[in-house]
Amino acid sequence: MKGSILLLLACTAVLAATARADTGEQPEALVKKVQEYAQKASAMIKGAFNTLQESEVAQQARRWLADNADLAKQHLARLKQHLAELWKPAPAA
């Protein structure tokens, strides 16, 4: 997430410098262009993240995490059972 924000800021800075060099317009027009560029860059980044989330690799990773979480829960339940048995008072002789 931090990387995408830094990328967006870097792209905005480059675009602002390019727009400033290319235009002799007023600062308000320049600010508007930079905002438009930032919106386009943001939309592109969101699209890339959506594509990544929908990819087969991401889906496999989510399935693997879900499966292993269930397995970890099962091991934890068994451990709780064993600990409960250890803490039971011994029958009086």
PDB file of N, CA and C in Angstrom:
ATOM      1  N   MET A   1       0.819  -1.181   0.000  1.00  0.00           N
ATOM      2  CA  MET A   1       0.000   0.000   0.000  1.00  0.00           C
ATOM      3  C   MET A   1       0.865   1.247   0.000  1.00  0.00           C
ATOM      4  N   LYS A   2       1.929   1.245   0.823  1.00  0.00           N
ATOM      5  CA  LYS A   2       2.817   2.399   0.868  1.00  0.00           C
ATOM      6  C   LYS A   2       3.505   2.601  -0.476  1.00  0.00           C
ATOM      7  N   GLY A   3       3.854   1.506  -1.115  1.00  0.00           N
ATOM      8  CA  GLY A   3       4.508   1.597  -2.412  1.00  0.00           C
ATOM      9  C   GLY A   3       3.613   2.236  -3.457  1.00  0.00           C
ATOM     10  N   SER A   4       2.330   1.899  -3.431  1.00  0.00           N
ATOM     11  CA  SER A   4       1.414   2.472  -4.414  1.00  0.00           C
ATOM     12  C   SER A   4       1.218   3.965  -4.184  1.00  0.00           C
ATOM     13  N   ILE A   5       1.198   4.376  -2.913  1.00  0.00           N
ATOM     14  CA  ILE A   5       1.049   5.799  -2.621  1.00  0.00           C
ATOM     15  C   ILE A   5       2.286   6.561  -3.079  1.00  0.00           C
ATOM     16  N   LEU A   6       3.465   5.984  -2.813  1.00  0.00           N
ATOM     17  CA  LEU A   6       4.693   6.635  -3.264  1.00  0.00           C
ATOM     18  C   LEU A   6       4.748   6.717  -4.782  1.00  0.00           C
ATOM     19  N   LEU A   7       4.311   5.644  -5.441  1.00  0.00           N
ATOM     20  CA  LEU A   7       4.278   5.654  -6.901  1.00  0.00           C
ATOM     21  C   LEU A   7       3.332   6.726  -7.414  1.00  0.00           C
ATOM     22  N   LEU A   8       2.172   6.833  -6.795  1.00  0.00           N
ATOM     23  CA  LEU A   8       1.201   7.846  -7.196  1.00  0.00           C
ATOM     24  C   LEU A   8       1.755   9.250  -7.002  1.00  0.00           C
ATOM     25  N   LEU A   9       2.415   9.484  -5.877  1.00  0.00           N
ATOM     26  CA  LEU A   9       3.000  10.800  -5.629  1.00  0.00           C
ATOM     27  C   LEU A   9       4.126  11.114  -6.609  1.00  0.00           C
ATOM     28  N   ALA A  10       4.946  10.128  -6.921  1.00  0.00           N
ATOM     29  CA  ALA A  10       6.027  10.337  -7.875  1.00  0.00           C
ATOM     30  C   ALA A  10       5.468  10.649  -9.265  1.00  0.00           C
ATOM     31  N   CYS A  11       4.451   9.898  -9.668  1.00  0.00           N
ATOM     32  CA  CYS A  11       3.825  10.153 -10.972  1.00  0.00           C
ATOM     33  C   CYS A  11       3.211  11.539 -11.016  1.00  0.00           C
ATOM     34  N   THR A  12       2.583  11.935  -9.923  1.00  0.00           N
ATOM     35  CA  THR A  12       1.970  13.261  -9.862  1.00  0.00           C
ATOM     36  C   THR A  12       3.033  14.345  -9.978  1.00  0.00           C
ATOM     37  N   ALA A  13       4.152  14.171  -9.290  1.00  0.00           N
ATOM     38  CA  ALA A  13       5.226  15.163  -9.357  1.00  0.00           C
ATOM     39  C   ALA A  13       5.802  15.270 -10.764  1.00  0.00           C
ATOM     40  N   VAL A  14       6.020  14.124 -11.394  1.00  0.00           N
ATOM     41  CA  VAL A  14       6.551  14.126 -12.764  1.00  0.00           C
ATOM     42  C   VAL A  14       5.554  14.777 -13.720  1.00  0.00           C
ATOM     43  N   LEU A  15       4.299  14.416 -13.573  1.00  0.00           N
ATOM     44  CA  LEU A  15       3.281  14.996 -14.443  1.00  0.00           C
ATOM     45  C   LEU A  15       3.138  16.496 -14.220  1.00  0.00           C
ATOM     46  N   ALA A  16       3.251  16.926 -12.980  1.00  0.00           N
ATOM     47  CA  ALA A  16       3.158  18.357 -12.687  1.00  0.00           C
ATOM     48  C   ALA A  16       4.317  19.112 -13.319  1.00  0.00           C
ATOM     49  N   ALA A  17       5.499  18.543 -13.215  1.00  0.00           N
ATOM     50  CA  ALA A  17       6.661  19.195 -13.816  1.00  0.00           C
ATOM     51  C   ALA A  17       6.537  19.238 -15.335  1.00  0.00           C
ATOM     52  N   THR A  18       6.048  18.161 -15.915  1.00  0.00           N
ATOM     53  CA  THR A  18       5.865  18.116 -17.368  1.00  0.00           C
ATOM     54  C   THR A  18       4.790  19.105 -17.799  1.00  0.00           C
ATOM     55  N   ALA A  19       3.700  19.131 -17.079  1.00  0.00           N
ATOM     56  CA  ALA A  19       2.615  20.052 -17.426  1.00  0.00           C
ATOM     57  C   ALA A  19       3.074  21.497 -17.297  1.00  0.00           C
ATOM     58  N   ARG A  20       3.860  21.781 -16.283  1.00  0.00           N
ATOM     59  CA  ARG A  20       4.366  23.143 -16.072  1.00  0.00           C
ATOM     60  C   ARG A  20       5.291  23.541 -17.216  1.00  0.00           C
ATOM     61  N   ALA A  21       6.113  22.617 -17.668  1.00  0.00           N
ATOM     62  CA  ALA A  21       7.048  22.921 -18.752  1.00  0.00           C
ATOM     63  C   ALA A  21       6.318  23.073 -20.080  1.00  0.00           C
ATOM     64  N   ASP A  22       5.230  22.325 -20.276  1.00  0.00           N
ATOM     65  CA  ASP A  22       4.533  22.330 -21.551  1.00  0.00           C
ATOM     66  C   ASP A  22       3.540  23.468 -21.704  1.00  0.00           C
ATOM     67  N   THR A  23       3.100  24.029 -20.614  1.00  0.00           N
ATOM     68  CA  THR A  23       2.053  25.032 -20.711  1.00  0.00           C
ATOM     69  C   THR A  23       2.515  26.364 -20.169  1.00  0.00           C
ATOM     70  N   GLY A  24       1.964  27.389 -20.723  1.00  0.00           N
ATOM     71  CA  GLY A  24       2.195  28.726 -20.219  1.00  0.00           C
ATOM     72  C   GLY A  24       0.938  29.211 -19.533  1.00  0.00           C
ATOM     73  N   GLU A  25       0.120  28.266 -19.074  1.00  0.00           N
ATOM     74  CA  GLU A  25      -1.173  28.590 -18.505  1.00  0.00           C
ATOM     75  C   GLU A  25      -1.047  29.095 -17.072  1.00  0.00           C
ATOM     76  N   GLN A  26      -2.148  29.557 -16.549  1.00  0.00           N
ATOM     77  CA  GLN A  26      -2.223  30.050 -15.182  1.00  0.00           C
ATOM     78  C   GLN A  26      -2.090  28.878 -14.201  1.00  0.00           C
ATOM     79  N   PRO A  27      -1.703  29.169 -12.959  1.00  0.00           N
ATOM     80  CA  PRO A  27      -1.546  28.100 -11.959  1.00  0.00           C
ATOM     81  C   PRO A  27      -2.831  27.296 -11.721  1.00  0.00           C
ATOM     82  N   GLU A  28      -3.990  27.932 -11.845  1.00  0.00           N
ATOM     83  CA  GLU A  28      -5.247  27.205 -11.621  1.00  0.00           C
ATOM     84  C   GLU A  28      -5.433  26.103 -12.658  1.00  0.00           C
ATOM     85  N   ALA A  29      -5.097  26.434 -13.903  1.00  0.00           N
ATOM     86  CA  ALA A  29      -5.209  25.437 -14.969  1.00  0.00           C
ATOM     87  C   ALA A  29      -4.212  24.305 -14.743  1.00  0.00           C
ATOM     88  N   LEU A  30      -3.038  24.656 -14.269  1.00  0.00           N
ATOM     89  CA  LEU A  30      -2.013  23.653 -13.981  1.00  0.00           C
ATOM     90  C   LEU A  30      -2.468  22.725 -12.859  1.00  0.00           C
ATOM     91  N   VAL A  31      -3.049  23.297 -11.815  1.00  0.00           N
ATOM     92  CA  VAL A  31      -3.554  22.492 -10.704  1.00  0.00           C
ATOM     93  C   VAL A  31      -4.644  21.553 -11.195  1.00  0.00           C
ATOM     94  N   LYS A  32      -5.495  22.031 -12.065  1.00  0.00           N
ATOM     95  CA  LYS A  32      -6.571  21.192 -12.606  1.00  0.00           C
ATOM     96  C   LYS A  32      -5.996  20.024 -13.402  1.00  0.00           C
ATOM     97  N   LYS A  33      -4.964  20.301 -14.204  1.00  0.00           N
ATOM     98  CA  LYS A  33      -4.342  19.226 -14.979  1.00  0.00           C
ATOM     99  C   LYS A  33      -3.698  18.185 -14.064  1.00  0.00           C
ATOM    100  N   VAL A  34      -3.013  18.659 -13.028  1.00  0.00           N
ATOM    101  CA  VAL A  34      -2.374  17.725 -12.102  1.00  0.00           C
ATOM    102  C   VAL A  34      -3.431  16.871 -11.407  1.00  0.00           C
ATOM    103  N   GLN A  35      -4.546  17.471 -11.021  1.00  0.00           N
ATOM    104  CA  GLN A  35      -5.619  16.709 -10.390  1.00  0.00           C
ATOM    105  C   GLN A  35      -6.180  15.658 -11.343  1.00  0.00           C
ATOM    106  N   GLU A  36      -6.333  16.023 -12.606  1.00  0.00           N
ATOM    107  CA  GLU A  36      -6.820  15.060 -13.592  1.00  0.00           C
ATOM    108  C   GLU A  36      -5.831  13.914 -13.759  1.00  0.00           C
ATOM    109  N   TYR A  37      -4.542  14.249 -13.841  1.00  0.00           N
ATOM    110  CA  TYR A  37      -3.518  13.205 -13.964  1.00  0.00           C
ATOM    111  C   TYR A  37      -3.522  12.307 -12.735  1.00  0.00           C
ATOM    112  N   ALA A  38      -3.647  12.892 -11.552  1.00  0.00           N
ATOM    113  CA  ALA A  38      -3.662  12.104 -10.322  1.00  0.00           C
ATOM    114  C   ALA A  38      -4.868  11.170 -10.293  1.00  0.00           C
ATOM    115  N   GLN A  39      -6.014  11.651 -10.742  1.00  0.00           N
ATOM    116  CA  GLN A  39      -7.199  10.799 -10.783  1.00  0.00           C
ATOM    117  C   GLN A  39      -7.010   9.638 -11.750  1.00  0.00           C
ATOM    118  N   LYS A  40      -6.404   9.927 -12.908  1.00  0.00           N
ATOM    119  CA  LYS A  40      -6.149   8.853 -13.880  1.00  0.00           C
ATOM    120  C   LYS A  40      -5.168   7.835 -13.318  1.00  0.00           C
ATOM    121  N   ALA A  41      -4.104   8.317 -12.670  1.00  0.00           N
ATOM    122  CA  ALA A  41      -3.115   7.405 -12.097  1.00  0.00           C
ATOM    123  C   ALA A  41      -3.745   6.564 -10.984  1.00  0.00           C
ATOM    124  N   SER A  42      -4.562   7.190 -10.167  1.00  0.00           N
ATOM    125  CA  SER A  42      -5.234   6.472  -9.093  1.00  0.00           C
ATOM    126  C   SER A  42      -6.158   5.393  -9.653  1.00  0.00           C
ATOM    127  N   ALA A  43      -6.887   5.720 -10.699  1.00  0.00           N
ATOM    128  CA  ALA A  43      -7.780   4.740 -11.332  1.00  0.00           C
ATOM    129  C   ALA A  43      -6.989   3.567 -11.902  1.00  0.00           C
ATOM    130  N   MET A  44      -5.835   3.861 -12.491  1.00  0.00           N
ATOM    131  CA  MET A  44      -5.001   2.793 -13.045  1.00  0.00           C
ATOM    132  C   MET A  44      -4.483   1.876 -11.936  1.00  0.00           C
ATOM    133  N   ILE A  45      -4.074   2.456 -10.821  1.00  0.00           N
ATOM    134  CA  ILE A  45      -3.561   1.657  -9.709  1.00  0.00           C
ATOM    135  C   ILE A  45      -4.672   0.792  -9.119  1.00  0.00           C
ATOM    136  N   LYS A  46      -5.858   1.370  -8.957  1.00  0.00           N
ATOM    137  CA  LYS A  46      -6.996   0.587  -8.447  1.00  0.00           C
ATOM    138  C   LYS A  46      -7.314  -0.568  -9.386  1.00  0.00           C
ATOM    139  N   GLY A  47      -7.261  -0.309 -10.679  1.00  0.00           N
ATOM    140  CA  GLY A  47      -7.510  -1.362 -11.655  1.00  0.00           C
ATOM    141  C   GLY A  47      -6.481  -2.478 -11.554  1.00  0.00           C
ATOM    142  N   ALA A  48      -5.221  -2.092 -11.351  1.00  0.00           N
ATOM    143  CA  ALA A  48      -4.163  -3.099 -11.219  1.00  0.00           C
ATOM    144  C   ALA A  48      -4.370  -3.941  -9.966  1.00  0.00           C
ATOM    145  N   PHE A  49      -4.742  -3.309  -8.850  1.00  0.00           N
ATOM    146  CA  PHE A  49      -5.003  -4.069  -7.632  1.00  0.00           C
ATOM    147  C   PHE A  49      -6.203  -4.992  -7.796  1.00  0.00           C
ATOM    148  N   ASN A  50      -7.246  -4.528  -8.459  1.00  0.00           N
ATOM    149  CA  ASN A  50      -8.414  -5.380  -8.687  1.00  0.00           C
ATOM    150  C   ASN A  50      -8.048  -6.582  -9.543  1.00  0.00           C
ATOM    151  N   THR A  51      -7.246  -6.351 -10.562  1.00  0.00           N
ATOM    152  CA  THR A  51      -6.803  -7.444 -11.424  1.00  0.00           C
ATOM    153  C   THR A  51      -5.994  -8.452 -10.617  1.00  0.00           C
ATOM    154  N   LEU A  52      -5.129  -7.941  -9.752  1.00  0.00           N
ATOM    155  CA  LEU A  52      -4.305  -8.820  -8.928  1.00  0.00           C
ATOM    156  C   LEU A  52      -5.171  -9.634  -7.972  1.00  0.00           C
ATOM    157  N   GLN A  53      -6.161  -9.001  -7.361  1.00  0.00           N
ATOM    158  CA  GLN A  53      -7.038  -9.707  -6.425  1.00  0.00           C
ATOM    159  C   GLN A  53      -7.857 -10.782  -7.118  1.00  0.00           C
ATOM    160  N   GLU A  54      -8.203 -10.573  -8.361  1.00  0.00           N
ATOM    161  CA  GLU A  54      -9.022 -11.533  -9.094  1.00  0.00           C
ATOM    162  C   GLU A  54      -8.189 -12.617  -9.766  1.00  0.00           C
ATOM    163  N   SER A  55      -6.875 -12.503  -9.707  1.00  0.00           N
ATOM    164  CA  SER A  55      -6.021 -13.461 -10.403  1.00  0.00           C
ATOM    165  C   SER A  55      -6.120 -14.844  -9.763  1.00  0.00           C
ATOM    166  N   GLU A  56      -5.767 -15.844 -10.514  1.00  0.00           N
ATOM    167  CA  GLU A  56      -5.818 -17.229 -10.045  1.00  0.00           C
ATOM    168  C   GLU A  56      -4.845 -17.442  -8.897  1.00  0.00           C
ATOM    169  N   VAL A  57      -3.677 -16.821  -8.954  1.00  0.00           N
ATOM    170  CA  VAL A  57      -2.687 -16.976  -7.893  1.00  0.00           C
ATOM    171  C   VAL A  57      -3.237 -16.425  -6.576  1.00  0.00           C
ATOM    172  N   ALA A  58      -3.871 -15.275  -6.628  1.00  0.00           N
ATOM    173  CA  ALA A  58      -4.448 -14.688  -5.412  1.00  0.00           C
ATOM    174  C   ALA A  58      -5.557 -15.571  -4.862  1.00  0.00           C
ATOM    175  N   GLN A  59      -6.356 -16.129  -5.733  1.00  0.00           N
ATOM    176  CA  GLN A  59      -7.430 -17.020  -5.282  1.00  0.00           C
ATOM    177  C   GLN A  59      -6.855 -18.274  -4.634  1.00  0.00           C
ATOM    178  N   GLN A  60      -5.793 -18.819  -5.219  1.00  0.00           N
ATOM    179  CA  GLN A  60      -5.148 -19.993  -4.636  1.00  0.00           C
ATOM    180  C   GLN A  60      -4.559 -19.665  -3.272  1.00  0.00           C
ATOM    181  N   ALA A  61      -3.964 -18.498  -3.153  1.00  0.00           N
ATOM    182  CA  ALA A  61      -3.383 -18.091  -1.875  1.00  0.00           C
ATOM    183  C   ALA A  61      -4.465 -17.953  -0.808  1.00  0.00           C
ATOM    184  N   ARG A  62      -5.598 -17.380  -1.169  1.00  0.00           N
ATOM    185  CA  ARG A  62      -6.696 -17.249  -0.216  1.00  0.00           C
ATOM    186  C   ARG A  62      -7.215 -18.625   0.211  1.00  0.00           C
ATOM    187  N   ARG A  63      -7.334 -19.556  -0.751  1.00  0.00           N
ATOM    188  CA  ARG A  63      -7.781 -20.912  -0.409  1.00  0.00           C
ATOM    189  C   ARG A  63      -6.781 -21.591   0.531  1.00  0.00           C
ATOM    190  N   TRP A  64      -5.486 -21.444   0.237  1.00  0.00           N
ATOM    191  CA  TRP A  64      -4.450 -22.055   1.063  1.00  0.00           C
ATOM    192  C   TRP A  64      -4.513 -21.500   2.474  1.00  0.00           C
ATOM    193  N   LEU A  65      -4.659 -20.196   2.614  1.00  0.00           N
ATOM    194  CA  LEU A  65      -4.757 -19.588   3.942  1.00  0.00           C
ATOM    195  C   LEU A  65      -5.998 -20.076   4.685  1.00  0.00           C
ATOM    196  N   ALA A  66      -7.107 -20.172   3.992  1.00  0.00           N
ATOM    197  CA  ALA A  66      -8.343 -20.637   4.619  1.00  0.00           C
ATOM    198  C   ALA A  66      -8.189 -22.089   5.079  1.00  0.00           C
ATOM    199  N   ASP A  67      -7.615 -22.933   4.230  1.00  0.00           N
ATOM    200  CA  ASP A  67      -7.418 -24.338   4.593  1.00  0.00           C
ATOM    201  C   ASP A  67      -6.488 -24.475   5.790  1.00  0.00           C
ATOM    202  N   ASN A  68      -5.406 -23.730   5.777  1.00  0.00           N
ATOM    203  CA  ASN A  68      -4.456 -23.834   6.880  1.00  0.00           C
ATOM    204  C   ASN A  68      -4.999 -23.207   8.155  1.00  0.00           C
ATOM    205  N   ALA A  69      -5.840 -22.226   8.043  1.00  0.00           N
ATOM    206  CA  ALA A  69      -6.465 -21.652   9.240  1.00  0.00           C
ATOM    207  C   ALA A  69      -7.359 -22.696   9.896  1.00  0.00           C
ATOM    208  N   ASP A  70      -8.102 -23.439   9.090  1.00  0.00           N
ATOM    209  CA  ASP A  70      -8.946 -24.512   9.633  1.00  0.00           C
ATOM    210  C   ASP A  70      -8.088 -25.580  10.316  1.00  0.00           C
ATOM    211  N   LEU A  71      -6.988 -25.919   9.699  1.00  0.00           N
ATOM    212  CA  LEU A  71      -6.084 -26.917  10.275  1.00  0.00           C
ATOM    213  C   LEU A  71      -5.508 -26.415  11.602  1.00  0.00           C
ATOM    214  N   ALA A  72      -5.124 -25.162  11.657  1.00  0.00           N
ATOM    215  CA  ALA A  72      -4.596 -24.587  12.896  1.00  0.00           C
ATOM    216  C   ALA A  72      -5.668 -24.591  13.987  1.00  0.00           C
ATOM    217  N   LYS A  73      -6.912 -24.311  13.617  1.00  0.00           N
ATOM    218  CA  LYS A  73      -8.007 -24.345  14.598  1.00  0.00           C
ATOM    219  C   LYS A  73      -8.198 -25.763  15.138  1.00  0.00           C
ATOM    220  N   GLN A  74      -8.079 -26.758  14.273  1.00  0.00           N
ATOM    221  CA  GLN A  74      -8.217 -28.148  14.713  1.00  0.00           C
ATOM    222  C   GLN A  74      -7.108 -28.527  15.696  1.00  0.00           C
ATOM    223  N   HIS A  75      -5.872 -28.121  15.387  1.00  0.00           N
ATOM    224  CA  HIS A  75      -4.753 -28.423  16.285  1.00  0.00           C
ATOM    225  C   HIS A  75      -4.940 -27.722  17.627  1.00  0.00           C
ATOM    226  N   LEU A  76      -5.417 -26.500  17.597  1.00  0.00           N
ATOM    227  CA  LEU A  76      -5.657 -25.759  18.831  1.00  0.00           C
ATOM    228  C   LEU A  76      -6.741 -26.444  19.669  1.00  0.00           C
ATOM    229  N   ALA A  77      -7.789 -26.929  19.032  1.00  0.00           N
ATOM    230  CA  ALA A  77      -8.853 -27.633  19.761  1.00  0.00           C
ATOM    231  C   ALA A  77      -8.301 -28.895  20.422  1.00  0.00           C
ATOM    232  N   ARG A  78      -7.458 -29.653  19.706  1.00  0.00           N
ATOM    233  CA  ARG A  78      -6.849 -30.858  20.287  1.00  0.00           C
ATOM    234  C   ARG A  78      -5.953 -30.506  21.462  1.00  0.00           C
ATOM    235  N   LEU A  79      -5.187 -29.436  21.316  1.00  0.00           N
ATOM    236  CA  LEU A  79      -4.304 -29.006  22.395  1.00  0.00           C
ATOM    237  C   LEU A  79      -5.114 -28.620  23.624  1.00  0.00           C
ATOM    238  N   LYS A  80      -6.217 -27.937  23.424  1.00  0.00           N
ATOM    239  CA  LYS A  80      -7.081 -27.568  24.552  1.00  0.00           C
ATOM    240  C   LYS A  80      -7.619 -28.808  25.253  1.00  0.00           C
ATOM    241  N   GLN A  81      -7.995 -29.817  24.453  1.00  0.00           N
ATOM    242  CA  GLN A  81      -8.497 -31.064  25.050  1.00  0.00           C
ATOM    243  C   GLN A  81      -7.421 -31.724  25.901  1.00  0.00           C
ATOM    244  N   HIS A  82      -6.212 -31.802  25.364  1.00  0.00           N
ATOM    245  CA  HIS A  82      -5.119 -32.442  26.102  1.00  0.00           C
ATOM    246  C   HIS A  82      -4.803 -31.674  27.380  1.00  0.00           C
ATOM    247  N   LEU A  83      -4.799 -30.360  27.303  1.00  0.00           N
ATOM    248  CA  LEU A  83      -4.530 -29.560  28.502  1.00  0.00           C
ATOM    249  C   LEU A  83      -5.642 -29.725  29.529  1.00  0.00           C
ATOM    250  N   ALA A  84      -6.883 -29.791  29.062  1.00  0.00           N
ATOM    251  CA  ALA A  84      -8.004 -29.982  29.984  1.00  0.00           C
ATOM    252  C   ALA A  84      -7.876 -31.323  30.702  1.00  0.00           C
ATOM    253  N   GLU A  85      -7.441 -32.354  29.982  1.00  0.00           N
ATOM    254  CA  GLU A  85      -7.260 -33.666  30.600  1.00  0.00           C
ATOM    255  C   GLU A  85      -6.123 -33.648  31.629  1.00  0.00           C
ATOM    256  N   LEU A  86      -5.090 -32.882  31.359  1.00  0.00           N
ATOM    257  CA  LEU A  86      -3.961 -32.802  32.304  1.00  0.00           C
ATOM    258  C   LEU A  86      -4.370 -32.098  33.593  1.00  0.00           C
ATOM    259  N   TRP A  87      -5.284 -31.163  33.492  1.00  0.00           N
ATOM    260  CA  TRP A  87      -5.683 -30.375  34.659  1.00  0.00           C
ATOM    261  C   TRP A  87      -6.808 -31.021  35.473  1.00  0.00           C
ATOM    262  N   LYS A  88      -7.348 -32.116  34.983  1.00  0.00           N
ATOM    263  CA  LYS A  88      -8.389 -32.800  35.751  1.00  0.00           C
ATOM    264  C   LYS A  88      -7.775 -33.363  37.020  1.00  0.00           C
ATOM    265  N   PRO A  89      -8.499 -33.253  38.109  1.00  0.00           N
ATOM    266  CA  PRO A  89      -7.936 -33.830  39.356  1.00  0.00           C
ATOM    267  C   PRO A  89      -7.862 -35.356  39.263  1.00  0.00           C
ATOM    268  N   ALA A  90      -6.814 -35.876  39.839  1.00  0.00           N
ATOM    269  CA  ALA A  90      -6.636 -37.331  39.830  1.00  0.00           C
ATOM    270  C   ALA A  90      -7.648 -37.960  40.791  1.00  0.00           C
ATOM    271  N   PRO A  91      -8.210 -39.127  40.419  1.00  0.00           N
ATOM    272  CA  PRO A  91      -9.179 -39.784  41.318  1.00  0.00           C
ATOM    273  C   PRO A  91      -8.508 -40.203  42.621  1.00  0.00           C
ATOM    274  N   ALA A  92      -9.257 -40.078  43.704  1.00  0.00           N
ATOM    275  CA  ALA A  92      -8.731 -40.444  45.029  1.00  0.00           C
ATOM    276  C   ALA A  92      -8.583 -41.951  45.133  1.00  0.00           C
ATOM    277  N   ALA A  93      -7.502 -42.382  45.685  1.00  0.00           N
ATOM    278  CA  ALA A  93      -7.256 -43.837  45.798  1.00  0.00           C
ATOM    279  C   ALA A  93      -7.798 -44.412  47.069  1.00  0.00           C
TER     280      ALA A  93
END
